[in-house]
Protein backbone atom coordinates (compact mmCIF):
# COMPACT_ATOMS: atom_id res chain seq x y z
CA MET A 1 30.28 48.08 4.36
CA PRO A 2 30.15 48.54 8.42
CA SER A 3 29.95 45.63 10.50
CA PRO A 4 26.97 45.00 12.95
CA PRO A 5 26.99 46.14 16.28
CA VAL A 6 27.44 43.14 19.17
CA HIS A 7 24.83 43.07 21.52
CA SER A 8 22.05 40.90 22.36
CA SER A 9 19.32 43.33 21.78
CA SER A 10 18.90 43.14 18.03
CA PRO A 11 17.58 39.68 16.85
CA ALA A 12 19.37 40.23 13.52
CA GLN A 13 23.26 40.64 14.54
CA PRO A 14 25.70 38.23 14.42
CA GLY A 15 27.83 38.02 17.12
CA SER A 16 30.82 36.17 15.23
CA THR A 17 32.78 36.85 12.22
CA GLY A 18 31.84 40.30 11.19
CA HIS A 19 29.80 40.85 8.40
CA PRO A 20 29.34 39.13 5.20
CA SER A 21 30.84 40.34 1.19
CA PRO A 22 27.70 41.08 -0.68
CA ALA A 23 28.30 38.50 -3.07
CA HIS A 24 26.77 35.06 -2.87
CA PRO A 25 26.44 33.81 0.61
CA SER A 26 28.21 30.17 -0.78
CA SER A 27 30.87 31.79 -2.89
CA ALA A 28 34.26 31.67 -1.79
CA ALA A 29 34.82 35.26 -1.24
CA GLN A 30 32.06 35.78 1.28
CA PRO A 31 31.59 34.68 4.66
CA GLY A 32 28.81 34.71 7.05
CA PRO A 33 28.09 35.62 10.34
CA ALA A 34 28.85 32.51 12.84
CA SER A 35 28.81 32.89 16.64
CA ARG A 36 26.19 35.13 18.66
CA PRO A 37 26.53 37.47 21.39
CA VAL A 38 25.65 36.48 24.91
CA PRO A 39 22.77 38.79 26.47
CA PRO A 40 24.07 41.28 29.19
CA GLY A 41 24.65 40.08 32.73
CA SER A 42 25.76 36.53 31.71
CA THR A 43 28.59 34.93 33.24
CA PRO A 44 31.90 36.05 31.72
CA VAL A 45 34.52 33.60 30.74
CA THR A 46 37.16 32.65 32.98
CA GLY A 47 40.61 30.98 32.90
CA PRO A 48 43.80 31.02 34.03
CA PRO A 49 45.88 34.22 32.98
CA GLY A 50 48.55 33.61 29.72
CA ALA A 51 52.11 33.97 30.66
CA ALA A 52 53.13 37.15 28.81
CA GLY A 53 55.35 36.94 26.43
CA GLY A 54 57.11 33.60 27.89
CA PRO A 55 59.90 31.87 25.83
CA PRO A 56 58.50 30.13 22.75
CA ARG A 57 58.31 26.76 22.93
CA ARG A 58 59.39 24.53 20.05
CA ARG A 59 56.59 22.80 18.28
CA ARG A 60 56.44 20.12 15.33
CA ARG A 61 58.93 20.81 12.76
CA TRP A 62 57.07 20.94 9.66
CA VAL A 63 58.35 19.81 5.56
CA PRO A 64 59.27 23.16 3.87
CA VAL A 65 56.47 22.83 1.28
CA LEU A 66 52.95 24.61 1.01
CA LEU A 67 51.46 22.66 -1.60
CA VAL A 68 47.76 23.68 -3.06
CA LEU A 69 47.60 26.43 -0.89
CA VAL A 70 46.30 28.82 -3.28
CA LEU A 71 44.92 26.14 -5.65
CA LEU A 72 41.55 25.88 -3.77
CA VAL A 73 41.05 29.70 -3.43
CA GLY A 74 39.22 29.16 -6.69
CA LEU A 75 36.89 26.71 -5.86
CA ALA A 76 33.87 28.38 -5.05
CA GLY A 77 31.00 26.97 -7.48
CA ALA A 78 33.46 24.09 -8.87
CA ALA A 79 31.36 20.91 -9.04
CA ALA A 80 30.52 21.31 -12.38
CA VAL A 81 33.99 22.56 -13.55
CA LEU A 82 36.66 19.94 -15.02
CA ARG A 83 39.94 20.58 -12.55
CA PRO A 84 43.47 18.90 -12.72
CA GLY A 85 45.42 17.07 -10.38
CA PRO A 86 43.73 15.67 -6.89
CA VAL A 87 41.08 18.15 -6.89
CA ALA A 88 39.30 16.63 -9.96
CA GLY A 89 39.31 13.21 -8.15
CA TRP A 90 38.23 14.85 -4.97
CA LEU A 91 34.93 17.03 -6.70
CA GLY A 92 34.09 13.69 -9.05
CA ALA A 93 34.04 13.17 -12.40
CA ASP A 94 31.74 15.58 -14.57
CA PRO A 95 29.70 14.14 -17.48
CA THR A 96 30.94 15.15 -20.70
CA PRO A 97 29.89 18.70 -21.43
CA SER A 98 27.65 19.68 -23.72
CA PRO A 99 28.25 22.66 -26.62
CA SER A 100 26.67 25.02 -24.43
CA ALA A 101 28.40 24.25 -21.53
CA ARG A 102 30.48 26.59 -19.54
CA PRO A 103 34.22 26.26 -20.62
CA PRO A 104 36.89 25.04 -18.12
CA GLU A 105 37.68 27.36 -15.12
CA PRO A 106 40.92 29.17 -15.83
CA ASP A 107 43.56 28.61 -12.96
CA PRO A 108 43.13 31.17 -10.04
CA SER A 109 45.26 34.03 -9.82
CA PRO A 110 47.32 33.76 -6.69
CA VAL A 111 46.11 35.31 -3.58
CA LEU A 112 48.72 34.48 -1.15
CA ALA A 113 52.11 32.82 -1.90
CA GLY A 114 53.75 29.67 -0.50
CA PRO A 115 56.49 29.79 1.52
CA ASP A 116 60.01 31.06 0.12
CA ALA A 117 62.30 28.99 2.33
CA ALA A 118 65.12 31.51 1.35
CA ALA A 119 63.16 34.12 2.68
CA PRO A 120 64.57 35.85 5.62
CA VAL A 121 63.62 34.26 8.98
CA PRO A 122 62.10 36.50 11.80
CA THR A 123 64.07 36.26 15.04
CA PRO A 124 61.99 35.56 18.41
CA ALA A 125 63.20 38.90 19.62
CA GLY A 126 62.23 40.66 16.19
CA VAL A 127 58.72 39.23 16.25
CA ARG A 128 58.35 40.05 20.18
CA ALA A 129 59.49 43.89 19.70
CA ALA A 130 57.06 44.12 17.15
CA VAL A 131 53.90 42.08 18.73
CA GLU A 132 54.27 42.36 22.24
CA PRO A 133 53.26 46.37 22.72
CA LEU A 134 50.22 45.98 20.76
CA THR A 135 48.68 43.12 22.88
CA GLY A 136 48.42 45.50 25.84
CA ALA A 137 45.74 47.51 24.17
CA ALA A 138 42.87 48.15 26.45
CA ALA A 139 40.28 47.18 23.54
CA LEU A 140 41.65 43.51 23.97
CA GLY A 141 40.97 43.32 27.79
CA SER A 142 42.79 41.75 30.50
CA ARG A 143 43.76 38.02 28.62
CA VAL A 144 45.04 37.93 25.40
CA ASN A 145 46.86 34.75 24.15
CA VAL A 146 49.02 34.79 21.27
CA SER A 147 51.01 32.59 19.21
CA VAL A 148 53.30 33.39 15.90
CA ALA A 149 54.99 30.53 14.08
CA ASP A 150 57.15 30.21 11.08
CA VAL A 151 55.46 28.05 8.25
CA VAL A 152 58.66 26.67 7.00
CA SER A 153 60.48 25.42 10.11
CA GLY A 154 57.51 24.89 12.39
CA GLU A 155 59.22 27.00 15.11
CA SER A 156 57.42 29.12 17.41
CA LEU A 157 58.44 32.74 16.97
CA TYR A 158 56.13 34.28 20.07
CA ALA A 159 53.78 33.17 22.49
CA ARG A 160 51.88 34.79 25.37
CA GLY A 161 49.62 32.10 27.01
CA GLY A 162 50.26 30.14 23.74
CA ASP A 163 49.61 26.95 25.43
CA ASP A 164 46.35 28.35 27.25
CA GLY A 165 42.90 27.38 26.21
CA THR A 166 40.97 30.36 25.49
CA VAL A 167 37.60 30.99 23.54
CA PRO A 168 37.56 30.36 20.05
CA ALA A 169 34.56 31.77 19.09
CA SER A 170 34.19 30.85 15.37
CA VAL A 171 37.92 30.30 14.67
CA THR A 172 36.63 26.75 15.98
CA LYS A 173 35.36 25.68 12.56
CA LEU A 174 39.18 25.64 11.50
CA ALA A 175 39.63 22.53 13.86
CA THR A 176 36.43 21.64 12.36
CA GLY A 177 37.50 21.27 8.66
CA VAL A 178 40.87 19.67 9.33
CA THR A 179 39.23 16.97 11.52
CA VAL A 180 36.41 16.32 9.21
CA LEU A 181 38.68 16.45 5.91
CA LYS A 182 41.12 14.11 7.82
CA ALA A 183 38.34 11.73 8.77
CA ARG A 184 36.19 11.51 5.78
CA GLY A 185 38.39 12.75 2.99
CA PRO A 186 38.05 15.47 0.55
CA GLY A 187 36.04 13.46 -1.87
CA TYR A 188 33.35 12.20 0.33
CA ARG A 189 29.62 12.92 -0.11
CA ILE A 190 27.07 12.44 2.46
CA ALA A 191 23.73 10.71 1.22
CA THR A 192 20.14 11.08 1.74
CA ARG A 193 17.96 8.24 0.95
CA ALA A 194 14.51 7.05 0.62
CA LEU A 195 13.64 3.47 1.29
CA ALA A 196 10.74 0.93 1.04
CA GLY A 197 8.50 1.34 4.39
CA ALA A 198 7.26 -1.43 5.76
CA ASN A 199 3.96 -1.00 4.12
CA PRO A 200 2.87 -1.02 0.21
CA GLY A 201 3.75 2.88 -0.77
CA GLU A 202 5.22 4.08 2.32
CA VAL A 203 8.30 5.73 1.93
CA VAL A 204 11.01 6.53 4.04
CA LEU A 205 13.30 9.71 3.90
CA VAL A 206 16.52 8.69 5.45
CA GLY A 207 18.92 11.42 6.85
CA GLY A 208 22.45 10.99 6.19
CA GLY A 209 23.45 14.48 7.53
CA ASP A 210 23.67 16.79 4.56
CA PRO A 211 22.67 20.25 5.78
CA THR A 212 22.80 21.75 2.67
CA LEU A 213 20.08 19.21 1.19
CA ALA A 214 17.66 21.75 -1.33
CA VAL A 215 14.22 21.40 -1.81
CA ASP A 216 14.24 22.28 -5.41
CA LYS A 217 16.40 24.54 -7.84
CA SER A 218 15.51 27.43 -5.50
CA GLY A 219 18.02 26.13 -2.72
CA PHE A 220 20.33 28.13 -0.49
CA TYR A 221 23.18 26.28 -1.60
CA PRO A 222 24.26 25.96 -5.14
CA GLY A 223 25.06 22.56 -6.55
CA ALA A 224 23.15 20.96 -3.51
CA ALA A 225 21.64 17.56 -3.74
CA ARG A 226 17.91 18.19 -3.84
CA LEU A 227 14.33 16.54 -2.69
CA ASP A 228 12.62 16.96 -6.08
CA THR A 229 15.43 14.89 -7.56
CA LEU A 230 14.74 12.15 -4.83
CA ALA A 231 11.19 12.29 -5.36
CA ALA A 232 11.45 11.64 -9.13
CA GLN A 233 13.47 8.62 -8.28
CA VAL A 234 11.26 7.51 -5.92
CA LYS A 235 8.05 7.68 -8.32
CA GLN A 236 10.02 5.67 -11.09
CA ALA A 237 11.05 2.76 -8.36
CA LEU A 238 7.36 2.61 -7.19
CA GLY A 239 6.33 1.76 -10.48
CA GLY A 240 2.83 1.44 -10.81
CA THR A 241 2.52 1.69 -6.47
CA ALA A 242 1.13 4.80 -5.54
CA PRO A 243 2.98 6.53 -2.67
CA THR A 244 0.71 7.10 0.75
CA ARG A 245 2.84 8.09 3.58
CA VAL A 246 6.21 9.57 4.39
CA VAL A 247 8.15 8.49 7.16
CA VAL A 248 11.37 10.56 8.39
CA ASP A 249 13.92 8.93 9.67
CA SER A 250 16.39 10.92 11.30
CA THR A 251 17.75 8.86 13.76
CA LEU A 252 21.67 9.12 12.58
CA PHE A 253 22.15 12.33 15.24
CA PRO A 254 20.96 11.38 18.88
CA GLY A 255 21.18 13.38 21.29
CA PRO A 256 20.13 17.08 22.13
CA VAL A 257 19.25 19.24 18.93
CA HIS A 258 21.27 22.43 20.63
CA GLY A 259 24.41 22.63 21.63
CA PRO A 260 25.99 23.14 25.45
CA GLY A 261 26.85 26.65 26.07
CA TRP A 262 24.75 28.11 23.54
CA ASP A 263 23.29 31.42 24.48
CA ALA A 264 19.31 31.23 25.27
CA ASP A 265 18.79 33.08 21.52
CA ILE A 266 20.84 31.07 19.49
CA PRO A 267 18.23 28.27 17.99
CA THR A 268 15.95 31.37 16.98
CA GLY A 269 18.32 34.14 16.34
CA GLY A 270 18.98 33.10 12.90
CA PHE A 271 22.46 32.00 13.12
CA GLY A 272 22.15 28.21 14.73
CA ALA A 273 19.39 26.15 14.58
CA SER A 274 18.28 22.52 15.98
CA ILE A 275 20.85 20.00 14.54
CA THR A 276 19.36 17.03 12.93
CA ALA A 277 20.18 14.56 10.29
CA LEU A 278 17.90 15.37 7.68
CA MET A 279 17.22 19.20 7.10
CA THR A 280 17.04 21.03 3.77
CA ASP A 281 18.97 24.34 3.24
CA GLY A 282 20.51 24.46 6.71
CA ALA A 283 16.88 24.55 8.05
CA ARG A 284 16.23 27.76 6.56
CA GLN A 285 12.47 28.39 6.00
CA ASP A 286 12.91 30.67 3.02
CA PRO A 287 16.26 29.60 1.29
CA ALA A 288 15.32 32.12 -1.77
CA GLY A 289 14.68 35.08 0.25
CA ALA A 290 17.93 34.22 2.65
CA ARG A 291 20.11 34.11 -0.14
CA LYS A 292 18.73 37.46 -1.93
CA ASN A 293 19.39 39.23 1.53
CA PHE A 294 22.28 37.47 2.82
CA ALA A 295 24.38 40.76 3.06
CA ASP A 296 21.56 43.04 4.15
CA SER A 297 20.63 40.25 6.87
CA HIS A 298 24.27 39.33 7.95
CA GLY A 299 23.39 35.89 6.98
CA ALA A 300 20.66 35.79 9.88
CA ALA A 301 17.88 33.67 8.68
CA THR A 302 14.35 32.28 10.58
CA ARG A 303 14.77 28.51 10.88
CA TYR A 304 12.65 25.29 11.46
CA ALA A 305 12.28 24.31 15.14
CA GLU A 306 11.97 20.66 13.39
CA PRO A 307 14.24 20.88 10.40
CA ASP A 308 13.26 17.01 9.77
CA LEU A 309 9.61 16.94 9.82
CA ALA A 310 9.86 20.26 8.00
CA ALA A 311 12.31 18.42 4.97
CA GLY A 312 9.70 15.25 5.27
CA ARG A 313 6.61 17.69 4.79
CA SER A 314 8.40 19.16 1.67
CA PHE A 315 8.99 15.58 0.22
CA ALA A 316 5.63 14.90 0.55
CA ARG A 317 4.58 17.42 -1.22
CA LEU A 318 6.55 16.55 -4.03
CA LEU A 319 5.56 13.18 -3.89
CA GLY A 320 1.74 14.21 -4.32
CA LEU A 321 1.02 13.50 -0.48
CA PRO A 322 -0.49 15.78 2.06
CA GLU A 323 2.00 17.37 4.28
CA THR A 324 -0.23 16.64 7.35
CA GLY A 325 0.50 12.77 7.18
CA VAL A 326 4.38 13.14 7.56
CA VAL A 327 5.76 10.76 10.93
CA ARG A 328 8.70 10.48 12.60
CA GLY A 329 10.02 6.73 12.07
CA THR A 330 13.02 4.22 11.51
CA ALA A 331 13.70 2.95 8.02
CA PRO A 332 12.71 -1.15 8.20
CA ALA A 333 15.76 -3.59 7.28
CA ALA A 334 16.09 -4.84 3.84
CA GLY A 335 15.00 -8.22 2.87
CA GLY A 336 11.48 -7.94 3.98
CA ALA A 337 8.67 -9.63 1.66
CA THR A 338 6.73 -8.07 -1.42
CA GLU A 339 3.34 -7.44 -1.50
CA GLY A 340 1.21 -6.88 -4.63
CA GLY A 341 4.30 -6.01 -6.66
CA ALA A 342 5.35 -3.16 -4.29
CA PRO A 343 9.17 -2.96 -3.50
CA ALA A 344 10.23 -5.16 -0.47
CA PRO A 345 10.47 -2.98 2.72
CA GLY A 346 13.69 -1.68 2.93
CA THR A 347 14.66 -1.49 -0.77
CA GLU A 348 16.59 1.52 -1.66
CA LEU A 349 14.06 3.81 -3.68
CA GLY A 350 16.53 6.52 -4.57
CA LYS A 351 19.36 8.39 -3.39
CA VAL A 352 21.05 11.84 -3.93
CA GLU A 353 24.58 12.95 -2.81
CA SER A 354 26.04 16.38 -1.29
CA LEU A 355 28.86 18.35 -2.58
CA PRO A 356 32.07 16.88 -1.85
CA MET A 357 33.52 17.55 1.70
CA ILE A 358 35.96 19.70 -0.06
CA ARG A 359 33.21 22.26 -0.90
CA LEU A 360 31.34 21.88 2.09
CA VAL A 361 34.19 22.70 4.11
CA ASP A 362 35.03 25.81 1.88
CA ILE A 363 31.62 26.90 2.56
CA MET A 364 31.61 26.32 6.15
CA ILE A 365 34.62 28.31 6.61
CA THR A 366 33.71 30.99 3.54
CA ASP A 367 30.22 31.48 5.41
CA SER A 368 31.32 30.88 8.84
CA ASP A 369 28.32 28.74 8.83
CA ASN A 370 27.29 27.30 11.56
CA VAL A 371 24.80 24.51 10.78
CA ILE A 372 27.36 22.83 8.38
CA ALA A 373 30.29 23.19 10.93
CA GLU A 374 27.92 21.13 13.36
CA ALA A 375 26.64 18.42 10.96
CA LEU A 376 30.74 17.73 9.75
CA ALA A 377 31.57 17.19 13.28
CA ARG A 378 28.83 14.52 13.20
CA GLN A 379 30.70 12.99 10.20
CA VAL A 380 33.94 13.11 12.23
CA ALA A 381 31.97 11.06 14.81
CA LEU A 382 30.58 8.53 12.19
CA ALA A 383 34.06 7.89 10.52
CA ARG A 384 35.73 7.27 14.05
CA ASN A 385 32.76 4.99 15.36
CA GLN A 386 31.23 7.69 17.90
CA GLN A 387 27.94 8.61 18.32
CA ALA A 388 26.73 11.44 15.74
CA SER A 389 25.62 14.10 18.71
CA PHE A 390 27.45 16.94 20.07
CA ALA A 391 29.59 15.17 22.59
CA GLY A 392 30.54 12.49 19.98
CA GLY A 393 31.43 14.73 17.74
CA ALA A 394 33.85 16.48 20.23
CA ALA A 395 35.38 13.39 21.21
CA ALA A 396 36.04 12.41 17.79
CA MET A 397 37.55 15.73 16.59
CA ASP A 398 39.74 15.35 19.74
CA GLU A 399 40.67 12.25 18.60
CA VAL A 400 41.58 13.24 15.00
CA ILE A 401 43.77 16.11 16.40
CA GLY A 402 45.89 13.25 18.41
CA GLU A 403 46.22 11.35 15.32
CA LEU A 404 47.63 14.23 13.34
CA GLY A 405 50.47 14.55 16.18
CA LEU A 406 48.99 17.39 17.60
CA PRO A 407 48.57 18.18 21.35
CA ALA A 408 44.86 16.97 22.01
CA ASP A 409 45.02 18.28 25.57
CA GLU A 410 45.17 21.75 24.33
CA ILE A 411 41.54 21.57 22.93
CA SER A 412 38.45 20.99 24.62
CA LEU A 413 35.25 21.15 22.64
CA ALA A 414 31.19 21.07 23.38
CA ASP A 415 30.44 21.96 19.64
CA ALA A 416 32.01 22.66 16.53
CA SER A 417 30.65 25.79 15.39
CA GLY A 418 32.15 28.33 18.20
CA LEU A 419 28.96 29.11 19.19
CA SER A 420 29.70 27.41 22.25
CA ARG A 421 31.32 29.17 25.41
CA ASN A 422 32.27 26.28 26.54
CA ASN A 423 34.85 25.67 24.03
CA ARG A 424 38.52 26.10 24.76
CA ILE A 425 41.58 26.33 22.38
CA SER A 426 45.19 26.98 22.71
CA PRO A 427 46.51 29.51 20.00
CA SER A 428 49.70 27.36 19.21
CA LEU A 429 47.34 24.35 18.74
CA LEU A 430 45.46 26.82 16.30
CA THR A 431 48.65 27.92 14.29
CA ASP A 432 50.01 23.99 14.56
CA LEU A 433 46.73 23.21 12.77
CA ILE A 434 47.32 25.90 10.12
CA GLY A 435 50.61 24.76 9.55
CA LEU A 436 50.16 21.30 9.33
CA ALA A 437 47.00 21.83 6.66
CA GLY A 438 49.60 23.77 4.76
CA ASN A 439 53.06 22.04 4.78
CA GLY A 440 52.73 19.67 2.09
CA THR A 441 52.54 16.35 4.34
CA HIS A 442 48.62 16.25 4.43
CA PRO A 443 47.29 17.73 1.01
CA GLU A 444 43.88 16.61 1.94
CA LEU A 445 43.65 19.33 4.56
CA THR A 446 44.27 22.09 2.18
CA ALA A 447 40.71 22.71 1.41
CA ILE A 448 40.14 24.98 4.70
CA PHE A 449 42.53 27.66 3.15
CA GLY A 450 40.32 27.88 -0.20
CA GLY A 451 37.62 30.05 2.32
CA LEU A 452 39.89 32.05 4.36
CA PRO A 453 38.96 35.91 3.94
CA VAL A 454 41.40 37.91 2.23
CA ALA A 455 42.23 41.39 4.20
CA ALA A 456 40.95 44.58 2.61
CA TRP A 457 39.60 42.33 -0.32
CA SER A 458 37.17 39.45 0.97
CA GLY A 459 34.58 38.21 3.72
CA THR A 460 34.95 39.02 6.89
CA LEU A 461 38.30 40.96 6.46
CA GLY A 462 36.98 42.64 3.37
CA THR A 463 36.57 46.29 4.79
CA ARG A 464 39.56 45.31 7.78
CA TYR A 465 43.17 46.43 7.09
CA GLU A 466 42.45 49.55 5.51
CA SER A 467 43.80 51.92 8.09
CA THR A 468 47.06 53.33 8.18
CA SER A 469 47.81 51.51 11.16
CA THR A 470 46.51 48.12 9.38
CA ALA A 471 47.50 48.56 5.75
CA ALA A 472 50.63 46.30 5.84
CA GLY A 473 48.56 43.66 6.14
CA ALA A 474 46.30 44.40 3.14
CA GLY A 475 46.06 41.08 0.79
CA VAL A 476 48.91 39.39 2.90
CA VAL A 477 46.73 38.44 5.72
CA ARG A 478 44.37 35.37 5.17
CA ALA A 479 42.48 34.63 8.45
CA LYS A 480 39.18 33.23 9.94
CA THR A 481 37.49 35.30 12.68
CA GLY A 482 35.65 34.63 15.40
CA THR A 483 33.28 36.87 17.72
CA LEU A 484 31.22 36.48 20.81
CA THR A 485 30.61 39.55 23.51
CA GLY A 486 33.84 39.64 25.31
CA VAL A 487 35.63 37.08 22.80
CA HIS A 488 37.09 37.97 19.73
CA ALA A 489 39.82 35.87 17.65
CA ILE A 490 41.74 35.50 14.58
CA ALA A 491 43.97 32.98 13.12
CA GLY A 492 45.51 32.39 9.79
CA LEU A 493 48.50 33.23 7.69
CA VAL A 494 50.67 36.44 6.95
CA THR A 495 53.65 37.19 4.70
CA THR A 496 55.92 39.14 6.30
CA ARG A 497 57.61 42.40 4.54
CA ASP A 498 60.67 40.12 3.48
CA GLY A 499 58.42 37.42 2.22
CA ARG A 500 58.43 34.88 4.77
CA LEU A 501 55.05 33.00 5.41
CA LEU A 502 53.88 33.16 9.11
CA THR A 503 50.81 31.23 10.69
CA PHE A 504 49.51 33.28 13.89
CA ALA A 505 46.74 33.31 16.12
CA VAL A 506 45.32 36.14 18.46
CA LEU A 507 42.30 35.32 21.07
CA THR A 508 41.05 37.05 23.72
CA ASP A 509 38.16 36.10 25.93
CA GLN A 510 37.69 39.07 28.13
CA ALA A 511 37.49 42.15 26.02
CA PRO A 512 35.67 44.92 27.62
CA GLY A 513 32.40 46.11 26.29
CA GLY A 514 31.97 48.66 23.70
CA ASP A 515 32.23 49.02 20.28
CA PRO A 516 33.61 45.60 18.82
CA GLU A 517 35.33 47.29 15.79
CA VAL A 518 37.87 49.24 18.24
CA THR A 519 38.61 45.29 19.16
CA ARG A 520 38.91 44.74 15.85
CA ALA A 521 41.15 47.10 14.68
CA ALA A 522 43.54 46.21 18.08
CA LEU A 523 43.54 42.46 16.46
CA ASP A 524 44.39 43.96 13.14
CA ARG A 525 47.19 45.68 14.51
CA ILE A 526 49.10 42.65 15.65
CA ALA A 527 48.81 40.99 12.33
CA GLY A 528 49.56 44.00 10.34
CA ALA A 529 52.92 44.66 12.35
CA LEU A 530 53.78 40.96 11.51
CA ALA A 531 52.93 41.79 7.48
CA GLY A 532 54.77 45.14 7.63
CA CYS A 533 58.27 43.98 9.57
CA GLY A 534 60.93 42.11 8.70
CA CYS A 535 61.16 41.16 12.72
CA ARG A 536 64.85 40.55 12.51
């Protein structure tokens, strides 16, 4: 399937992460679009030029173990499947299966092997010889920043502007995934609650920030929590009291609903949305249609302008109430007096919970889901006692990066999805993040690998690495991609011809106009060169 063109004249094409695979949009094998292009005539990205091929600096040394890297490849659709080890705990206990239940899922087949400490180590000179001539490709533009490091040792093997902040586009989601897994943990679930309102029969729907919440079984995200389940709980809890009105409380996410540095068409162009603490199906108006047409639309979907009110109206309908009566408000504090046998104000009438964080991160990376990314950044903020806003999420992510012992001064974020052109991340910080997630010291971080596309196999890399000049990377490059007009990025893992596992990041934010496929091919040649050489 060819990737869509990247320009601003069509409302349906993505500007980031290429094309989706034709599979279900939230299965592990297919991605979605991420960042949108900027309209012609917008201000180009500027920044200090990177030092071309300067001496690689010595970064953190890593424990020579890559635990769980392949385990998570088969996680899609995992919520109802028994799994061994820590993953079973993260996903939560399953009920006793009925005779008609599906059999346990078999262990996934290896897609990318762990590091072989005995494999020959590339030399900085060998990596430079393989990579540096390719960084001068005209399609990459005037600012190409690169980092290549060895996963086993953590040693930098090549850096060109490696520490320079560069617009990362959707590659930002790697930082989002790592920080939310660290802050919340893989097993954390986001709750949506219904509380008794101030008046008898009044129901307050309280958003907890679950972007995957569905109205019913026709939701976009398989296995998501559902409003019809919550409505049934509420009816039972109210007993003989009839529901009278729905009040929507989405105050958990304060501040602007659109991110700084977003192109003007992002809120309505199908790839972004208003970020509110309560929404259904990532704010999609037609989740079933969006799921069915995911591949053809490249993941674009019409979104509600006010997702919280739209969710409240759906909830009112499920309770048998008119949608016109839904209003915004705040939940009363618990402990009020009962009236006429109705539950006391603030009493919890029901609760549903999202998929575990390990699955939300997997979907975010696989589908390059911008709305999930922004919601997860707010979970980082809440976990670190920051305001659950764009600014609070960015500050909290920065804090967690520092907690992990990584150079927080090499990341500056305005959002968590990569839609913002104000974001800056250095290539070397990306390779550090990827290495840290895979070196065994933080097994909770390995969920970022489950959704990474595989070259010439899945996701945004499904139809890449098929030419003669890039074929060495087929099956051995696993990476997150990102694209805005003039911005192209790729970061991930690659196994060399000799079996050595490397982490790499290539970012260019001053690429010339023209066919984005040409620029992507130039990026792929760099990773392909690493795959095809011993680099010694």
